[in-house]
């Protein structure tokens, strides 16, 4: 609901297969989506699909904590992206 309040388009899914279908639709059908936010619990199941876009400037796929709290996947992905871009881990542990 928070994302909708900000004027962002949301796609509710109830299963990993629905999440995969939504991600493929968003990345295949148009260039309208520069940033895609995915909850960490679903991102772990979509790891291979998300990896296809890690070196592309768009769409940027950002992992966010779900209702259950953070799994640390978003922070790990950010650290890896910064390390690839800069050549070293400047964020610390």
Protein backbone atom coordinates (compact mmCIF):
# COMPACT_ATOMS: atom_id res chain seq x y z
CA UNK A 1 0.00 0.00 0.00
CA UNK A 2 2.88 2.35 0.70
CA UNK A 3 4.16 2.07 -2.86
CA UNK A 4 0.69 2.77 -4.26
CA UNK A 5 0.46 5.84 -2.04
CA UNK A 6 3.64 7.11 -3.69
CA UNK A 7 2.06 6.66 -7.11
CA UNK A 8 4.00 3.54 -8.05
CA UNK A 9 2.41 0.66 -9.89
CA UNK A 10 2.24 -2.55 -7.86
CA UNK A 11 1.74 -6.18 -8.83
CA UNK A 12 0.54 -8.43 -6.04
CA UNK A 13 1.50 -12.09 -6.37
CA UNK A 14 0.70 -15.04 -4.16
CA UNK A 15 3.22 -17.61 -5.34
CA UNK A 16 6.69 -17.95 -6.78
CA UNK A 17 5.27 -18.90 -10.18
CA UNK A 18 3.10 -15.75 -10.24
CA UNK A 19 6.15 -13.69 -9.25
CA UNK A 20 8.19 -15.22 -12.07
CA UNK A 21 5.42 -14.51 -14.58
CA UNK A 22 5.10 -10.90 -13.37
CA UNK A 23 8.85 -10.32 -13.53
CA UNK A 24 9.08 -11.75 -17.04
CA UNK A 25 6.13 -9.61 -18.14
CA UNK A 26 7.67 -6.44 -16.71
CA UNK A 27 11.07 -7.08 -18.28
CA UNK A 28 9.86 -8.38 -21.63
CA UNK A 29 6.89 -6.29 -22.67
CA UNK A 30 8.25 -2.78 -22.48
CA UNK A 31 10.92 -0.42 -21.25
CA UNK A 32 8.40 1.36 -19.05
CA UNK A 33 9.90 -0.01 -15.84
CA UNK A 34 13.38 1.29 -14.97
CA UNK A 35 13.23 0.03 -11.37
CA UNK A 36 11.55 -3.12 -10.12
CA UNK A 37 11.27 -3.76 -6.39
CA UNK A 38 10.96 -7.39 -5.30
CA UNK A 39 10.56 -8.71 -1.77
CA UNK A 40 13.54 -10.74 -0.62
CA UNK A 41 11.50 -13.86 0.11
CA UNK A 42 10.40 -14.02 -3.55
CA UNK A 43 13.77 -12.92 -4.89
CA UNK A 44 15.48 -15.98 -3.47
CA UNK A 45 13.21 -18.15 -5.64
CA UNK A 46 13.80 -15.91 -8.69
CA UNK A 47 17.58 -15.73 -8.29
CA UNK A 48 18.42 -17.04 -11.78
CA UNK A 49 15.93 -14.73 -13.50
CA UNK A 50 17.13 -11.69 -11.53
CA UNK A 51 20.77 -12.52 -12.30
CA UNK A 52 20.08 -11.97 -16.00
CA UNK A 53 19.68 -8.24 -15.30
CA UNK A 54 22.46 -7.60 -12.78
CA UNK A 55 24.79 -6.05 -15.37
CA UNK A 56 22.09 -4.12 -17.25
CA UNK A 57 21.39 -0.50 -16.36
CA UNK A 58 17.64 -1.10 -16.67
CA UNK A 59 15.66 -2.47 -15.20
CA UNK A 60 17.36 -2.08 -11.86
CA UNK A 61 15.99 -4.87 -9.68
CA UNK A 62 16.05 -3.83 -6.04
CA UNK A 63 15.46 -6.36 -3.27
CA UNK A 64 13.47 -5.07 -0.32
CA UNK A 65 12.50 -6.67 3.00
CA UNK A 66 9.10 -8.29 3.23
CA UNK A 67 6.65 -8.31 6.11
CA UNK A 68 8.75 -10.94 7.86
CA UNK A 69 11.76 -8.59 7.96
CA UNK A 70 15.05 -8.54 6.15
CA UNK A 71 16.78 -11.71 4.99
CA UNK A 72 19.94 -9.75 4.13
CA UNK A 73 19.63 -10.50 0.41
CA UNK A 74 19.11 -6.86 -0.58
CA UNK A 75 22.17 -5.71 1.32
CA UNK A 76 24.26 -8.53 -0.16
CA UNK A 77 23.11 -7.65 -3.68
CA UNK A 78 23.93 -3.98 -3.12
CA UNK A 79 27.37 -4.83 -1.77
CA UNK A 80 28.09 -7.06 -4.79
CA UNK A 81 26.92 -4.38 -7.24
CA UNK A 82 29.10 -1.72 -5.62
CA UNK A 83 32.06 -4.08 -5.59
CA UNK A 84 31.60 -4.81 -9.32
CA UNK A 85 31.33 -1.11 -10.12
CA UNK A 86 34.16 0.18 -7.93
CA UNK A 87 36.39 -2.88 -7.78
CA UNK A 88 36.41 -3.17 -4.00
CA UNK A 89 33.98 -3.30 -1.09
CA UNK A 90 33.68 0.32 0.04
CA UNK A 91 30.58 -0.33 2.15
CA UNK A 92 32.32 -2.36 4.85
CA UNK A 93 30.80 -5.34 6.61
